[in-house]
Amino acid sequence: MDALVASLPIQTQKGGFFADPSLWTEAGMKEVCETMLAVDRCFYCPPSERPYAHICPAIGVNSAGRVTISKPLVHAFFLHQCCQWLNKQGAEGDLVGTKVLDVGSGSGYLTAALARLLIRRGVAEFAVVGIDVTEELVNLGRCNLQNDESNASLPVTFRCEDAWQLCHPDDGEYGFIAVSAAAPCPQPPMALLQRLAICGLLICPVSTGQDDEQCFVAVTRTGPGIGTDNFTEPEVLCPAKFVPLVRN
């Protein structure tokens, strides 16, 4: 795991989706690397795969087909985005009770790493929720976390949910939402946007509308209503390539 994490800054310089230097900060990448060292990928990859390689092994299926665990650099990207959000929120207000949502939680690796990041920041009374569309994938994430004894007691919950349907207890609950599956349109699902707290940030891959191209977008909630006026326009961050965000 040490060698994998040490290679992450080099990976950002090799071209590809995350090569834009404006996506990264030196301090943010340092914090991401330290966070990822605390969550060993070997507990979240299939035993027959190479857990420390820059690959995305298959971990199951859903109605759209094969499901994989994201490459380490994708996890680093989401964690870095969360770092940036925490920096901004920490400067402007209190982070106590922060809730984070991992959509398409799959293996559970990113879910656990997000919790580790909040612990590093000293955020009190936080919670991280991972959701996926099948019970099999939800149980996979839950079992992987339980097998990772160093992180098994983290305040993490896994639930089987459809990201396209609003879960009403979650309305306005989450400060940061990471989505690891692509919406088939340029706008993230309103059901996910409504889960954002005011000033909350959602990072989601979406279709650009041109062939099979996708990109990551960032959306911030600015007001309490459900209309589009209460959210920023999706800001394009960089290209992306994900499996579809399926409906249950």
C-alpha atoms as a PDB file:
ATOM      1  CA  MET A   1       0.000   0.000   0.000  1.00  0.00           C
ATOM      2  CA  ASP A   2       2.909   2.361   0.731  1.00  0.00           C
ATOM      3  CA  ALA A   3       4.242   2.048  -2.825  1.00  0.00           C
ATOM      4  CA  LEU A   4       0.784   2.546  -4.324  1.00  0.00           C
ATOM      5  CA  VAL A   5       0.145   5.725  -2.350  1.00  0.00           C
ATOM      6  CA  ALA A   6       3.635   7.048  -3.073  1.00  0.00           C
ATOM      7  CA  SER A   7       2.919   6.676  -6.799  1.00  0.00           C
ATOM      8  CA  LEU A   8      -0.289   8.748  -6.751  1.00  0.00           C
ATOM      9  CA  PRO A   9       1.321  12.180  -7.283  1.00  0.00           C
ATOM     10  CA  ILE A  10       3.253  10.711 -10.219  1.00  0.00           C
ATOM     11  CA  GLN A  11       0.051   9.321 -11.697  1.00  0.00           C
ATOM     12  CA  THR A  12      -1.458  12.815 -11.855  1.00  0.00           C
ATOM     13  CA  GLN A  13       1.401  13.873 -14.139  1.00  0.00           C
ATOM     14  CA  LYS A  14       1.053  11.027 -16.651  1.00  0.00           C
ATOM     15  CA  GLY A  15      -1.781  12.548 -18.648  1.00  0.00           C
ATOM     16  CA  GLY A  16      -5.329  11.261 -18.665  1.00  0.00           C
ATOM     17  CA  PHE A  17      -8.410  12.601 -16.922  1.00  0.00           C
ATOM     18  CA  PHE A  18      -6.649  14.014 -13.856  1.00  0.00           C
ATOM     19  CA  ALA A  19      -3.597  15.621 -15.456  1.00  0.00           C
ATOM     20  CA  ASP A  20      -4.815  19.215 -15.030  1.00  0.00           C
ATOM     21  CA  PRO A  21      -2.602  20.625 -12.226  1.00  0.00           C
ATOM     22  CA  SER A  22      -5.403  22.971 -11.140  1.00  0.00           C
ATOM     23  CA  LEU A  23      -7.269  19.905  -9.795  1.00  0.00           C
ATOM     24  CA  TRP A  24      -4.636  19.266  -7.137  1.00  0.00           C
ATOM     25  CA  THR A  25      -2.824  21.061  -4.332  1.00  0.00           C
ATOM     26  CA  GLU A  26       0.352  19.852  -2.682  1.00  0.00           C
ATOM     27  CA  ALA A  27      -1.180  20.032   0.799  1.00  0.00           C
ATOM     28  CA  GLY A  28      -4.356  18.331  -0.386  1.00  0.00           C
ATOM     29  CA  MET A  29      -2.498  15.479  -2.053  1.00  0.00           C
ATOM     30  CA  LYS A  30      -0.377  14.984   1.068  1.00  0.00           C
ATOM     31  CA  GLU A  31      -3.527  14.674   3.165  1.00  0.00           C
ATOM     32  CA  VAL A  32      -5.133  12.322   0.636  1.00  0.00           C
ATOM     33  CA  CYS A  33      -2.071  10.061   0.651  1.00  0.00           C
ATOM     34  CA  GLU A  34      -1.988   9.931   4.445  1.00  0.00           C
ATOM     35  CA  THR A  35      -5.696   9.132   4.515  1.00  0.00           C
ATOM     36  CA  MET A  36      -5.407   6.342   1.957  1.00  0.00           C
ATOM     37  CA  LEU A  37      -2.518   4.778   3.884  1.00  0.00           C
ATOM     38  CA  ALA A  38      -4.949   4.310   6.779  1.00  0.00           C
ATOM     39  CA  VAL A  39      -7.337   2.209   4.624  1.00  0.00           C
ATOM     40  CA  ASP A  40      -5.584  -0.787   3.102  1.00  0.00           C
ATOM     41  CA  ARG A  41      -6.985  -1.541  -0.344  1.00  0.00           C
ATOM     42  CA  CYS A  42      -6.295  -5.264   0.069  1.00  0.00           C
ATOM     43  CA  PHE A  43      -9.429  -5.582   2.238  1.00  0.00           C
ATOM     44  CA  TYR A  44     -11.639  -4.125  -0.514  1.00  0.00           C
ATOM     45  CA  CYS A  45     -10.398  -5.912  -3.659  1.00  0.00           C
ATOM     46  CA  PRO A  46     -11.176  -9.497  -4.702  1.00  0.00           C
ATOM     47  CA  PRO A  47      -8.475 -11.908  -3.434  1.00  0.00           C
ATOM     48  CA  SER A  48      -7.497 -12.910  -6.973  1.00  0.00           C
ATOM     49  CA  GLU A  49      -6.777  -9.317  -8.046  1.00  0.00           C
ATOM     50  CA  ARG A  50      -3.779  -7.027  -7.510  1.00  0.00           C
ATOM     51  CA  PRO A  51      -5.055  -4.612  -4.855  1.00  0.00           C
ATOM     52  CA  TYR A  52      -2.146  -2.182  -5.184  1.00  0.00           C
ATOM     53  CA  ALA A  53      -2.179  -1.837  -8.965  1.00  0.00           C
ATOM     54  CA  HIS A  54      -3.662   1.105 -10.876  1.00  0.00           C
ATOM     55  CA  ILE A  55      -6.549  -1.004 -12.181  1.00  0.00           C
ATOM     56  CA  CYS A  56     -10.288  -1.339 -11.515  1.00  0.00           C
ATOM     57  CA  PRO A  57     -11.125  -5.013 -10.786  1.00  0.00           C
ATOM     58  CA  ALA A  58     -14.671  -6.336 -11.104  1.00  0.00           C
ATOM     59  CA  ILE A  59     -16.509  -6.687  -7.779  1.00  0.00           C
ATOM     60  CA  GLY A  60     -20.035  -7.611  -8.901  1.00  0.00           C
ATOM     61  CA  VAL A  61     -22.901  -6.816 -11.248  1.00  0.00           C
ATOM     62  CA  ASN A  62     -26.050  -4.717 -11.410  1.00  0.00           C
ATOM     63  CA  SER A  63     -28.741  -4.260 -14.056  1.00  0.00           C
ATOM     64  CA  ALA A  64     -26.293  -2.342 -16.280  1.00  0.00           C
ATOM     65  CA  GLY A  65     -23.688  -5.122 -16.157  1.00  0.00           C
ATOM     66  CA  ARG A  66     -20.244  -5.380 -14.590  1.00  0.00           C
ATOM     67  CA  VAL A  67     -19.377  -3.246 -11.539  1.00  0.00           C
ATOM     68  CA  THR A  68     -15.777  -2.432 -10.568  1.00  0.00           C
ATOM     69  CA  ILE A  69     -13.839  -0.845  -7.741  1.00  0.00           C
ATOM     70  CA  SER A  70     -12.477   2.492  -8.968  1.00  0.00           C
ATOM     71  CA  LYS A  71      -8.783   2.990  -9.649  1.00  0.00           C
ATOM     72  CA  PRO A  72      -6.810   4.412  -6.706  1.00  0.00           C
ATOM     73  CA  LEU A  73      -6.408   7.758  -8.461  1.00  0.00           C
ATOM     74  CA  VAL A  74     -10.196   8.114  -8.759  1.00  0.00           C
ATOM     75  CA  HIS A  75     -10.521   7.597  -5.007  1.00  0.00           C
ATOM     76  CA  ALA A  76      -7.751  10.159  -4.511  1.00  0.00           C
ATOM     77  CA  PHE A  77      -9.665  12.631  -6.692  1.00  0.00           C
ATOM     78  CA  PHE A  78     -12.867  12.324  -4.633  1.00  0.00           C
ATOM     79  CA  LEU A  79     -10.913  12.607  -1.372  1.00  0.00           C
ATOM     80  CA  HIS A  80      -9.097  15.694  -2.633  1.00  0.00           C
ATOM     81  CA  GLN A  81     -12.403  17.309  -3.582  1.00  0.00           C
ATOM     82  CA  CYS A  82     -13.657  16.573  -0.066  1.00  0.00           C
ATOM     83  CA  CYS A  83     -10.474  18.097   1.395  1.00  0.00           C
ATOM     84  CA  GLN A  84     -11.094  21.284  -0.567  1.00  0.00           C
ATOM     85  CA  TRP A  85     -14.702  21.420   0.621  1.00  0.00           C
ATOM     86  CA  LEU A  86     -13.637  20.871   4.248  1.00  0.00           C
ATOM     87  CA  ASN A  87     -11.084  23.681   3.917  1.00  0.00           C
ATOM     88  CA  LYS A  88     -13.755  26.086   2.730  1.00  0.00           C
ATOM     89  CA  GLN A  89     -16.389  25.047   5.257  1.00  0.00           C
ATOM     90  CA  GLY A  90     -13.921  24.970   8.130  1.00  0.00           C
ATOM     91  CA  ALA A  91     -12.978  28.572   7.366  1.00  0.00           C
ATOM     92  CA  GLU A  92     -16.609  29.674   7.232  1.00  0.00           C
ATOM     93  CA  GLY A  93     -18.361  27.664   9.923  1.00  0.00           C
ATOM     94  CA  ASP A  94     -18.626  24.645  12.199  1.00  0.00           C
ATOM     95  CA  LEU A  95     -18.086  21.131  10.809  1.00  0.00           C
ATOM     96  CA  VAL A  96     -19.552  19.303  13.835  1.00  0.00           C
ATOM     97  CA  GLY A  97     -22.111  16.733  12.733  1.00  0.00           C
ATOM     98  CA  THR A  98     -21.001  16.706   9.088  1.00  0.00           C
ATOM     99  CA  LYS A  99     -22.597  13.931   7.019  1.00  0.00           C
ATOM    100  CA  VAL A 100     -21.048  12.536   3.845  1.00  0.00           C
ATOM    101  CA  LEU A 101     -22.737  10.348   1.220  1.00  0.00           C
ATOM    102  CA  ASP A 102     -20.906   7.873  -1.046  1.00  0.00           C
ATOM    103  CA  VAL A 103     -23.181   6.959  -3.974  1.00  0.00           C
ATOM    104  CA  GLY A 104     -22.271   3.697  -5.697  1.00  0.00           C
ATOM    105  CA  SER A 105     -20.280   2.632  -2.641  1.00  0.00           C
ATOM    106  CA  GLY A 106     -19.526  -0.840  -4.051  1.00  0.00           C
ATOM    107  CA  SER A 107     -16.430  -2.226  -2.333  1.00  0.00           C
ATOM    108  CA  GLY A 108     -16.719   0.280   0.508  1.00  0.00           C
ATOM    109  CA  TYR A 109     -13.166   1.582   0.086  1.00  0.00           C
ATOM    110  CA  LEU A 110     -14.044   5.216  -0.603  1.00  0.00           C
ATOM    111  CA  THR A 111     -16.738   5.142   2.094  1.00  0.00           C
ATOM    112  CA  ALA A 112     -14.153   4.102   4.695  1.00  0.00           C
ATOM    113  CA  ALA A 113     -11.530   6.533   3.377  1.00  0.00           C
ATOM    114  CA  LEU A 114     -13.968   9.469   3.590  1.00  0.00           C
ATOM    115  CA  ALA A 115     -14.576   8.571   7.237  1.00  0.00           C
ATOM    116  CA  ARG A 116     -10.832   8.398   7.858  1.00  0.00           C
ATOM    117  CA  LEU A 117     -10.421  11.843   6.292  1.00  0.00           C
ATOM    118  CA  LEU A 118     -13.017  13.330   8.658  1.00  0.00           C
ATOM    119  CA  ILE A 119     -11.226  11.744  11.629  1.00  0.00           C
ATOM    120  CA  ARG A 120      -7.939  13.276  10.455  1.00  0.00           C
ATOM    121  CA  ARG A 121      -9.655  16.663  10.386  1.00  0.00           C
ATOM    122  CA  GLY A 122     -10.973  16.195  13.908  1.00  0.00           C
ATOM    123  CA  VAL A 123     -14.600  16.532  12.815  1.00  0.00           C
ATOM    124  CA  ALA A 124     -16.856  15.592  15.720  1.00  0.00           C
ATOM    125  CA  GLU A 125     -20.073  13.565  15.521  1.00  0.00           C
ATOM    126  CA  PHE A 126     -19.767  12.931  11.790  1.00  0.00           C
ATOM    127  CA  ALA A 127     -21.362  10.116   9.801  1.00  0.00           C
ATOM    128  CA  VAL A 128     -20.622   8.590   6.405  1.00  0.00           C
ATOM    129  CA  VAL A 129     -23.286   6.683   4.465  1.00  0.00           C
ATOM    130  CA  GLY A 130     -22.606   4.443   1.469  1.00  0.00           C
ATOM    131  CA  ILE A 131     -25.479   3.519  -0.838  1.00  0.00           C
ATOM    132  CA  ASP A 132     -25.675   1.104  -3.736  1.00  0.00           C
ATOM    133  CA  VAL A 133     -28.437  -0.293  -5.892  1.00  0.00           C
ATOM    134  CA  THR A 134     -28.223  -4.009  -5.005  1.00  0.00           C
ATOM    135  CA  GLU A 135     -28.179  -5.809  -1.673  1.00  0.00           C
ATOM    136  CA  GLU A 136     -25.201  -7.855  -2.884  1.00  0.00           C
ATOM    137  CA  LEU A 137     -23.047  -4.752  -3.368  1.00  0.00           C
ATOM    138  CA  VAL A 138     -24.232  -3.228  -0.091  1.00  0.00           C
ATOM    139  CA  ASN A 139     -23.315  -6.421   1.761  1.00  0.00           C
ATOM    140  CA  LEU A 140     -19.948  -6.502   0.002  1.00  0.00           C
ATOM    141  CA  GLY A 141     -19.043  -3.047   1.280  1.00  0.00           C
ATOM    142  CA  ARG A 142     -20.293  -3.876   4.759  1.00  0.00           C
ATOM    143  CA  CYS A 143     -18.323  -7.162   4.915  1.00  0.00           C
ATOM    144  CA  ASN A 144     -15.148  -5.581   3.532  1.00  0.00           C
ATOM    145  CA  LEU A 145     -15.250  -2.902   6.227  1.00  0.00           C
ATOM    146  CA  GLN A 146     -15.837  -5.490   8.949  1.00  0.00           C
ATOM    147  CA  ASN A 147     -12.815  -7.458   7.727  1.00  0.00           C
ATOM    148  CA  ASP A 148     -10.672  -4.317   7.862  1.00  0.00           C
ATOM    149  CA  GLU A 149     -10.175  -4.412  11.613  1.00  0.00           C
ATOM    150  CA  SER A 150      -8.376  -1.065  11.742  1.00  0.00           C
ATOM    151  CA  ASN A 151     -11.470   0.670  10.371  1.00  0.00           C
ATOM    152  CA  ALA A 152     -14.351  -1.646  11.335  1.00  0.00           C
ATOM    153  CA  SER A 153     -15.546   0.690  14.095  1.00  0.00           C
ATOM    154  CA  LEU A 154     -15.784   3.787  11.902  1.00  0.00           C
ATOM    155  CA  PRO A 155     -19.191   5.576  11.940  1.00  0.00           C
ATOM    156  CA  VAL A 156     -20.097   4.221   8.507  1.00  0.00           C
ATOM    157  CA  THR A 157     -23.462   2.846   7.367  1.00  0.00           C
ATOM    158  CA  PHE A 158     -24.296   0.997   4.137  1.00  0.00           C
ATOM    159  CA  ARG A 159     -27.812   1.055   2.653  1.00  0.00           C
ATOM    160  CA  CYS A 160     -29.512  -0.323  -0.453  1.00  0.00           C
ATOM    161  CA  GLU A 161     -31.070   2.674  -2.228  1.00  0.00           C
ATOM    162  CA  ASP A 162     -31.922   4.072  -5.633  1.00  0.00           C
ATOM    163  CA  ALA A 163     -30.000   7.312  -6.188  1.00  0.00           C
ATOM    164  CA  TRP A 164     -32.783   8.510  -8.480  1.00  0.00           C
ATOM    165  CA  GLN A 165     -35.337   8.446  -5.656  1.00  0.00           C
ATOM    166  CA  LEU A 166     -35.223  10.964  -2.815  1.00  0.00           C
ATOM    167  CA  CYS A 167     -34.880   9.357   0.609  1.00  0.00           C
ATOM    168  CA  HIS A 168     -36.875  11.923   2.608  1.00  0.00           C
ATOM    169  CA  PRO A 169     -35.011  11.595   5.928  1.00  0.00           C
ATOM    170  CA  ASP A 170     -31.882  12.540   3.943  1.00  0.00           C
ATOM    171  CA  ASP A 171     -33.319  15.742   2.475  1.00  0.00           C
ATOM    172  CA  GLY A 172     -30.751  18.502   3.049  1.00  0.00           C
ATOM    173  CA  GLU A 173     -28.551  16.268   5.220  1.00  0.00           C
ATOM    174  CA  TYR A 174     -25.211  15.906   3.451  1.00  0.00           C
ATOM    175  CA  GLY A 175     -22.320  18.318   3.304  1.00  0.00           C
ATOM    176  CA  PHE A 176     -20.392  16.326   0.700  1.00  0.00           C
ATOM    177  CA  ILE A 177     -21.655  13.765  -1.819  1.00  0.00           C
ATOM    178  CA  ALA A 178     -19.373  11.634  -4.025  1.00  0.00           C
ATOM    179  CA  VAL A 179     -21.033   9.793  -6.924  1.00  0.00           C
ATOM    180  CA  SER A 180     -19.166   6.882  -8.537  1.00  0.00           C
ATOM    181  CA  ALA A 181     -21.518   6.233 -11.466  1.00  0.00           C
ATOM    182  CA  ALA A 182     -22.452   8.460 -14.394  1.00  0.00           C
ATOM    183  CA  ALA A 183     -25.795  10.194 -14.912  1.00  0.00           C
ATOM    184  CA  PRO A 184     -26.922   9.877 -18.563  1.00  0.00           C
ATOM    185  CA  CYS A 185     -27.490  13.645 -18.862  1.00  0.00           C
ATOM    186  CA  PRO A 186     -25.479  16.823 -18.129  1.00  0.00           C
ATOM    187  CA  GLN A 187     -27.247  17.360 -14.783  1.00  0.00           C
ATOM    188  CA  PRO A 188     -26.922  15.139 -11.684  1.00  0.00           C
ATOM    189  CA  PRO A 189     -30.230  13.661 -10.466  1.00  0.00           C
ATOM    190  CA  MET A 190     -32.357  16.154  -8.538  1.00  0.00           C
ATOM    191  CA  ALA A 191     -32.969  13.433  -5.938  1.00  0.00           C
ATOM    192  CA  LEU A 192     -29.251  13.568  -5.096  1.00  0.00           C
ATOM    193  CA  LEU A 193     -29.020  17.361  -5.242  1.00  0.00           C
ATOM    194  CA  GLN A 194     -31.879  17.574  -2.738  1.00  0.00           C
ATOM    195  CA  ARG A 195     -29.835  15.516  -0.279  1.00  0.00           C
ATOM    196  CA  LEU A 196     -27.239  18.311  -0.119  1.00  0.00           C
ATOM    197  CA  ALA A 197     -27.179  20.607   2.872  1.00  0.00           C
ATOM    198  CA  ILE A 198     -26.962  24.324   2.119  1.00  0.00           C
ATOM    199  CA  CYS A 199     -23.342  25.016   1.079  1.00  0.00           C
ATOM    200  CA  GLY A 200     -22.959  21.261   0.473  1.00  0.00           C
ATOM    201  CA  LEU A 201     -20.951  20.034  -2.531  1.00  0.00           C
ATOM    202  CA  LEU A 202     -21.788  17.177  -4.917  1.00  0.00           C
ATOM    203  CA  ILE A 203     -19.170  15.672  -7.259  1.00  0.00           C
ATOM    204  CA  CYS A 204     -20.720  13.527  -9.996  1.00  0.00           C
ATOM    205  CA  PRO A 205     -19.776  12.168 -13.428  1.00  0.00           C
ATOM    206  CA  VAL A 206     -22.357  13.023 -16.094  1.00  0.00           C
ATOM    207  CA  SER A 207     -22.830  12.581 -19.829  1.00  0.00           C
ATOM    208  CA  THR A 208     -21.681  15.526 -21.921  1.00  0.00           C
ATOM    209  CA  GLY A 209     -24.308  14.730 -24.556  1.00  0.00           C
ATOM    210  CA  GLN A 210     -21.609  14.063 -27.160  1.00  0.00           C
ATOM    211  CA  ASP A 211     -21.279  10.392 -28.078  1.00  0.00           C
ATOM    212  CA  ASP A 212     -20.121   8.434 -25.017  1.00  0.00           C
ATOM    213  CA  GLU A 213     -18.164  11.284 -23.429  1.00  0.00           C
ATOM    214  CA  GLN A 214     -18.479  11.959 -19.706  1.00  0.00           C
ATOM    215  CA  CYS A 215     -17.129  14.593 -17.355  1.00  0.00           C
ATOM    216  CA  PHE A 216     -17.013  15.275 -13.625  1.00  0.00           C
ATOM    217  CA  VAL A 217     -19.147  18.196 -12.488  1.00  0.00           C
ATOM    218  CA  ALA A 218     -19.376  20.013  -9.168  1.00  0.00           C
ATOM    219  CA  VAL A 219     -22.672  21.437  -7.855  1.00  0.00           C
ATOM    220  CA  THR A 220     -23.201  23.428  -4.645  1.00  0.00           C
ATOM    221  CA  ARG A 221     -26.527  23.951  -2.887  1.00  0.00           C
ATOM    222  CA  THR A 222     -27.201  27.649  -2.278  1.00  0.00           C
ATOM    223  CA  GLY A 223     -30.736  27.661  -0.839  1.00  0.00           C
ATOM    224  CA  PRO A 224     -33.382  25.530   0.895  1.00  0.00           C
ATOM    225  CA  GLY A 225     -35.809  25.052  -2.008  1.00  0.00           C
ATOM    226  CA  ILE A 226     -35.923  22.248  -4.555  1.00  0.00           C
ATOM    227  CA  GLY A 227     -35.821  24.392  -7.699  1.00  0.00           C
ATOM    228  CA  THR A 228     -32.705  24.687  -9.820  1.00  0.00           C
ATOM    229  CA  ASP A 229     -32.294  28.281  -8.582  1.00  0.00           C
ATOM    230  CA  ASN A 230     -31.125  26.813  -5.280  1.00  0.00           C
ATOM    231  CA  PHE A 231     -28.110  25.094  -6.836  1.00  0.00           C
ATOM    232  CA  THR A 232     -25.117  26.372  -8.760  1.00  0.00           C
ATOM    233  CA  GLU A 233     -24.799  25.493 -12.417  1.00  0.00           C
ATOM    234  CA  PRO A 234     -22.753  22.281 -12.854  1.00  0.00           C
ATOM    235  CA  GLU A 235     -19.076  23.230 -13.048  1.00  0.00           C
ATOM    236  CA  VAL A 236     -17.078  20.968 -15.353  1.00  0.00           C
ATOM    237  CA  LEU A 237     -13.923  19.703 -13.617  1.00  0.00           C
ATOM    238  CA  CYS A 238     -12.368  17.143 -15.960  1.00  0.00           C
ATOM    239  CA  PRO A 239     -13.222  14.148 -18.179  1.00  0.00           C
ATOM    240  CA  ALA A 240     -14.582  10.966 -16.591  1.00  0.00           C
ATOM    241  CA  LYS A 241     -15.444   7.378 -17.488  1.00  0.00           C
ATOM    242  CA  PHE A 242     -17.873   5.434 -15.294  1.00  0.00           C
ATOM    243  CA  VAL A 243     -20.531   2.761 -15.420  1.00  0.00           C
ATOM    244  CA  PRO A 244     -24.112   4.133 -15.594  1.00  0.00           C
ATOM    245  CA  LEU A 245     -25.938   5.376 -12.526  1.00  0.00           C
ATOM    246  CA  VAL A 246     -28.721   2.811 -12.694  1.00  0.00           C
ATOM    247  CA  ARG A 247     -32.255   3.002 -11.349  1.00  0.00           C
ATOM    248  CA  ASN A 248     -33.519   0.315  -9.031  1.00  0.00           C
END
